[in-house]
C-alpha atoms as a PDB file:
ATOM      1  CA  MET A   1      -2.603 -35.307 -13.092  1.00  0.00           C
ATOM      2  CA  ALA A   2      -2.160 -31.565 -13.663  1.00  0.00           C
ATOM      3  CA  LYS A   3      -1.726 -29.290 -10.659  1.00  0.00           C
ATOM      4  CA  ARG A   4      -4.602 -26.871 -10.070  1.00  0.00           C
ATOM      5  CA  ASN A   5      -3.854 -23.192 -10.542  1.00  0.00           C
ATOM      6  CA  ASP A   6      -6.482 -21.575  -8.313  1.00  0.00           C
ATOM      7  CA  PRO A   7      -6.630 -17.802  -7.772  1.00  0.00           C
ATOM      8  CA  TYR A   8      -5.110 -16.522  -4.533  1.00  0.00           C
ATOM      9  CA  ARG A   9      -7.379 -15.607  -1.633  1.00  0.00           C
ATOM     10  CA  ASN A  10      -7.359 -11.988  -0.408  1.00  0.00           C
ATOM     11  CA  PHE A  11      -7.846 -12.524   3.339  1.00  0.00           C
ATOM     12  CA  ASN A  12      -4.519 -14.047   4.350  1.00  0.00           C
ATOM     13  CA  PHE A  13      -1.703 -11.517   4.135  1.00  0.00           C
ATOM     14  CA  ARG A  14       1.170 -10.062   6.111  1.00  0.00           C
ATOM     15  CA  VAL A  15       2.595  -6.533   6.002  1.00  0.00           C
ATOM     16  CA  VAL A  16       6.331  -6.194   6.614  1.00  0.00           C
ATOM     17  CA  ILE A  17       7.612  -2.686   7.363  1.00  0.00           C
ATOM     18  CA  GLU A  18      11.320  -2.234   7.971  1.00  0.00           C
ATOM     19  CA  GLY A  19      11.914  -1.179  11.575  1.00  0.00           C
ATOM     20  CA  VAL A  20       8.422  -2.146  12.800  1.00  0.00           C
ATOM     21  CA  SER A  21       8.332  -5.271  14.927  1.00  0.00           C
ATOM     22  CA  ALA A  22       4.573  -5.889  15.114  1.00  0.00           C
ATOM     23  CA  ALA A  23       2.141  -4.731  12.469  1.00  0.00           C
ATOM     24  CA  GLY A  24      -0.833  -7.068  12.059  1.00  0.00           C
ATOM     25  CA  PHE A  25      -3.256  -5.360   9.686  1.00  0.00           C
ATOM     26  CA  SER A  26      -6.860  -6.298   8.977  1.00  0.00           C
ATOM     27  CA  GLU A  27      -7.144  -4.377   5.708  1.00  0.00           C
ATOM     28  CA  CYS A  28      -4.886  -3.194   2.908  1.00  0.00           C
ATOM     29  CA  HIS A  29      -5.986  -1.315  -0.183  1.00  0.00           C
ATOM     30  CA  GLY A  30      -4.648   1.071  -2.785  1.00  0.00           C
ATOM     31  CA  LEU A  31      -2.067  -1.153  -4.463  1.00  0.00           C
ATOM     32  CA  THR A  32      -2.360   0.574  -7.817  1.00  0.00           C
ATOM     33  CA  ALA A  33      -0.014   1.473 -10.630  1.00  0.00           C
ATOM     34  CA  GLU A  34      -0.904   3.288 -13.821  1.00  0.00           C
ATOM     35  CA  ILE A  35       0.776   4.751 -16.856  1.00  0.00           C
ATOM     36  CA  PRO A  36      -1.072   7.858 -18.026  1.00  0.00           C
ATOM     37  CA  VAL A  37      -1.580   8.483 -21.728  1.00  0.00           C
ATOM     38  CA  ILE A  38       0.022  11.541 -23.301  1.00  0.00           C
ATOM     39  CA  GLU A  39      -1.806  12.668 -26.418  1.00  0.00           C
ATOM     40  CA  TYR A  40      -0.246  14.924 -29.016  1.00  0.00           C
ATOM     41  CA  ARG A  41      -0.763  15.917 -32.611  1.00  0.00           C
ATOM     42  CA  GLU A  42       2.112  16.212 -35.026  1.00  0.00           C
ATOM     43  CA  GLY A  43       2.515  19.621 -36.649  1.00  0.00           C
ATOM     44  CA  GLY A  44       1.176  18.831 -40.119  1.00  0.00           C
ATOM     45  CA  ASP A  45      -1.426  16.265 -39.053  1.00  0.00           C
ATOM     46  CA  LYS A  46      -4.812  17.863 -38.370  1.00  0.00           C
ATOM     47  CA  VAL A  47      -6.790  14.639 -37.852  1.00  0.00           C
ATOM     48  CA  ASP A  48      -4.806  11.930 -36.074  1.00  0.00           C
ATOM     49  CA  ILE A  49      -3.794  12.041 -32.440  1.00  0.00           C
ATOM     50  CA  ARG A  50      -0.700  10.134 -31.351  1.00  0.00           C
ATOM     51  CA  LYS A  51      -0.601   8.461 -27.949  1.00  0.00           C
ATOM     52  CA  LEU A  52       2.520   7.903 -25.865  1.00  0.00           C
ATOM     53  CA  PRO A  53       3.048   6.371 -22.430  1.00  0.00           C
ATOM     54  CA  GLY A  54       3.670   8.919 -19.658  1.00  0.00           C
ATOM     55  CA  LEU A  55       5.480   8.486 -16.369  1.00  0.00           C
ATOM     56  CA  PRO A  56       4.201   5.703 -14.106  1.00  0.00           C
ATOM     57  CA  ARG A  57       2.150   6.727 -11.084  1.00  0.00           C
ATOM     58  CA  TYR A  58       1.598   4.738  -7.914  1.00  0.00           C
ATOM     59  CA  GLY A  59      -1.402   5.146  -5.613  1.00  0.00           C
ATOM     60  CA  ASN A  60      -1.082   5.538  -1.872  1.00  0.00           C
ATOM     61  CA  VAL A  61      -1.547   2.346   0.123  1.00  0.00           C
ATOM     62  CA  THR A  62      -3.935   2.373   3.065  1.00  0.00           C
ATOM     63  CA  LEU A  63      -3.449  -0.015   5.984  1.00  0.00           C
ATOM     64  CA  LYS A  64      -5.948  -0.576   8.829  1.00  0.00           C
ATOM     65  CA  ARG A  65      -5.516  -2.350  12.133  1.00  0.00           C
ATOM     66  CA  GLY A  66      -6.932  -2.466  15.628  1.00  0.00           C
ATOM     67  CA  LEU A  67      -5.460   0.179  17.932  1.00  0.00           C
ATOM     68  CA  THR A  68      -3.028  -1.285  20.474  1.00  0.00           C
ATOM     69  CA  ALA A  69      -0.391  -0.007  22.894  1.00  0.00           C
ATOM     70  CA  ASN A  70       2.251  -0.423  20.154  1.00  0.00           C
ATOM     71  CA  ARG A  71       3.233   3.094  18.976  1.00  0.00           C
ATOM     72  CA  GLU A  72       5.852   2.249  16.321  1.00  0.00           C
ATOM     73  CA  LEU A  73       3.665   3.395  13.418  1.00  0.00           C
ATOM     74  CA  TRP A  74       2.715   6.620  15.206  1.00  0.00           C
ATOM     75  CA  ASP A  75       6.386   7.279  16.010  1.00  0.00           C
ATOM     76  CA  TRP A  76       7.268   6.799  12.331  1.00  0.00           C
ATOM     77  CA  PHE A  77       4.521   9.222  11.304  1.00  0.00           C
ATOM     78  CA  ARG A  78       5.668  11.815  13.868  1.00  0.00           C
ATOM     79  CA  ALA A  79       9.287  11.511  12.708  1.00  0.00           C
ATOM     80  CA  VAL A  80       8.260  12.215   9.104  1.00  0.00           C
ATOM     81  CA  ALA A  81       5.949  15.043  10.227  1.00  0.00           C
ATOM     82  CA  GLY A  82       8.936  16.517  12.072  1.00  0.00           C
ATOM     83  CA  GLY A  83      11.011  16.641   8.891  1.00  0.00           C
ATOM     84  CA  ALA A  84      12.831  13.293   8.949  1.00  0.00           C
ATOM     85  CA  ALA A  85      13.298  11.697   5.528  1.00  0.00           C
ATOM     86  CA  ASP A  86      12.438   8.261   6.921  1.00  0.00           C
ATOM     87  CA  ARG A  87      11.543   6.204   3.842  1.00  0.00           C
ATOM     88  CA  ARG A  88      11.299   2.461   4.297  1.00  0.00           C
ATOM     89  CA  PRO A  89      10.740  -0.629   2.178  1.00  0.00           C
ATOM     90  CA  VAL A  90       7.325  -2.200   2.748  1.00  0.00           C
ATOM     91  CA  SER A  91       6.108  -5.597   1.561  1.00  0.00           C
ATOM     92  CA  ILE A  92       2.539  -6.857   1.416  1.00  0.00           C
ATOM     93  CA  VAL A  93       2.791 -10.636   1.248  1.00  0.00           C
ATOM     94  CA  LEU A  94      -0.111 -12.893   0.242  1.00  0.00           C
ATOM     95  CA  LEU A  95      -0.082 -16.195   2.130  1.00  0.00           C
ATOM     96  CA  ASP A  96      -1.551 -19.602   1.387  1.00  0.00           C
ATOM     97  CA  GLU A  97      -3.656 -21.619   3.848  1.00  0.00           C
ATOM     98  CA  ALA A  98      -0.485 -22.966   5.494  1.00  0.00           C
ATOM     99  CA  GLY A  99       0.941 -19.455   6.010  1.00  0.00           C
ATOM    100  CA  GLU A 100       3.542 -19.782   3.257  1.00  0.00           C
ATOM    101  CA  ALA A 101       4.309 -16.757   1.046  1.00  0.00           C
ATOM    102  CA  LEU A 102       2.739 -16.860  -2.414  1.00  0.00           C
ATOM    103  CA  VAL A 103       3.495 -13.419  -3.819  1.00  0.00           C
ATOM    104  CA  SER A 104       4.979 -10.224  -2.430  1.00  0.00           C
ATOM    105  CA  PHE A 105       4.037  -6.678  -3.439  1.00  0.00           C
ATOM    106  CA  ASN A 106       7.003  -4.464  -2.594  1.00  0.00           C
ATOM    107  CA  LEU A 107       6.788  -0.701  -2.084  1.00  0.00           C
ATOM    108  CA  ALA A 108       9.953   1.317  -2.611  1.00  0.00           C
ATOM    109  CA  GLY A 109      10.709   4.316  -0.412  1.00  0.00           C
ATOM    110  CA  ALA A 110       7.436   4.296   1.528  1.00  0.00           C
ATOM    111  CA  TRP A 111       6.594   6.919   4.134  1.00  0.00           C
ATOM    112  CA  PRO A 112       3.457   7.713   6.143  1.00  0.00           C
ATOM    113  CA  THR A 113       1.409  10.549   4.711  1.00  0.00           C
ATOM    114  CA  LYS A 114      -1.723  10.208   6.865  1.00  0.00           C
ATOM    115  CA  PHE A 115      -2.636   8.756  10.246  1.00  0.00           C
ATOM    116  CA  GLU A 116      -6.288   8.463  11.252  1.00  0.00           C
ATOM    117  CA  LEU A 117      -8.270   7.028  14.144  1.00  0.00           C
ATOM    118  CA  ALA A 118     -11.767   5.751  13.346  1.00  0.00           C
ATOM    119  CA  PRO A 119     -14.643   7.563  15.051  1.00  0.00           C
ATOM    120  CA  LEU A 120     -15.148   6.718  18.700  1.00  0.00           C
ATOM    121  CA  ASP A 121     -18.701   5.958  19.808  1.00  0.00           C
ATOM    122  CA  ALA A 122     -19.749   5.653  23.458  1.00  0.00           C
ATOM    123  CA  LEU A 123     -22.758   3.555  22.391  1.00  0.00           C
ATOM    124  CA  GLY A 124     -20.781   1.173  20.167  1.00  0.00           C
ATOM    125  CA  ASN A 125     -18.750  -1.933  20.872  1.00  0.00           C
ATOM    126  CA  ASP A 126     -16.485  -2.045  17.824  1.00  0.00           C
ATOM    127  CA  VAL A 127     -12.710  -2.298  17.900  1.00  0.00           C
ATOM    128  CA  ALA A 128     -10.910   1.063  17.686  1.00  0.00           C
ATOM    129  CA  ILE A 129      -9.282   1.110  14.235  1.00  0.00           C
ATOM    130  CA  GLU A 130      -6.221   3.121  13.240  1.00  0.00           C
ATOM    131  CA  THR A 131      -5.477   3.860   9.592  1.00  0.00           C
ATOM    132  CA  LEU A 132      -2.059   4.551   8.123  1.00  0.00           C
ATOM    133  CA  GLU A 133      -1.715   5.828   4.567  1.00  0.00           C
ATOM    134  CA  LEU A 134       1.633   5.320   2.853  1.00  0.00           C
ATOM    135  CA  ALA A 135       3.018   7.172  -0.154  1.00  0.00           C
ATOM    136  CA  HIS A 136       5.728   5.362  -2.090  1.00  0.00           C
ATOM    137  CA  GLU A 137       7.932   5.665  -5.149  1.00  0.00           C
ATOM    138  CA  GLY A 138       7.438   2.335  -6.854  1.00  0.00           C
ATOM    139  CA  LEU A 139       5.736  -1.047  -6.856  1.00  0.00           C
ATOM    140  CA  SER A 140       7.318  -4.367  -7.739  1.00  0.00           C
ATOM    141  CA  ILE A 141       6.024  -7.921  -7.510  1.00  0.00           C
ATOM    142  CA  ALA A 142       8.165 -10.842  -6.415  1.00  0.00           C
END
């Protein structure tokens, strides 16, 4: 009997940031890579446009989690804001139902570019959410 090849689920994942001991995130988005198109026309050709691949571009990755007493991510952001060139490898790992790694999306040279706290509301009862946006220099899949 052939083994089923079902698509992976998007709700079970782990984020691993070098130097951060606890980082349980509820949301991750922005894992994008694109190669822009460069169009040009050769000197004697007045009709046809040639297309070439440009340099790859990688979107910023946004991570969200409930605010806790752990300040490791804030400390990393403050270090970078203070001029430290603190780039770290980051992995977003999809897990199966048993918690085993299925695929890992690896960010090269990541650093925090934005830190945000969700709006606070005296009439609400939601969890306080912090958002960390990471810029990076490359995406690989393992």
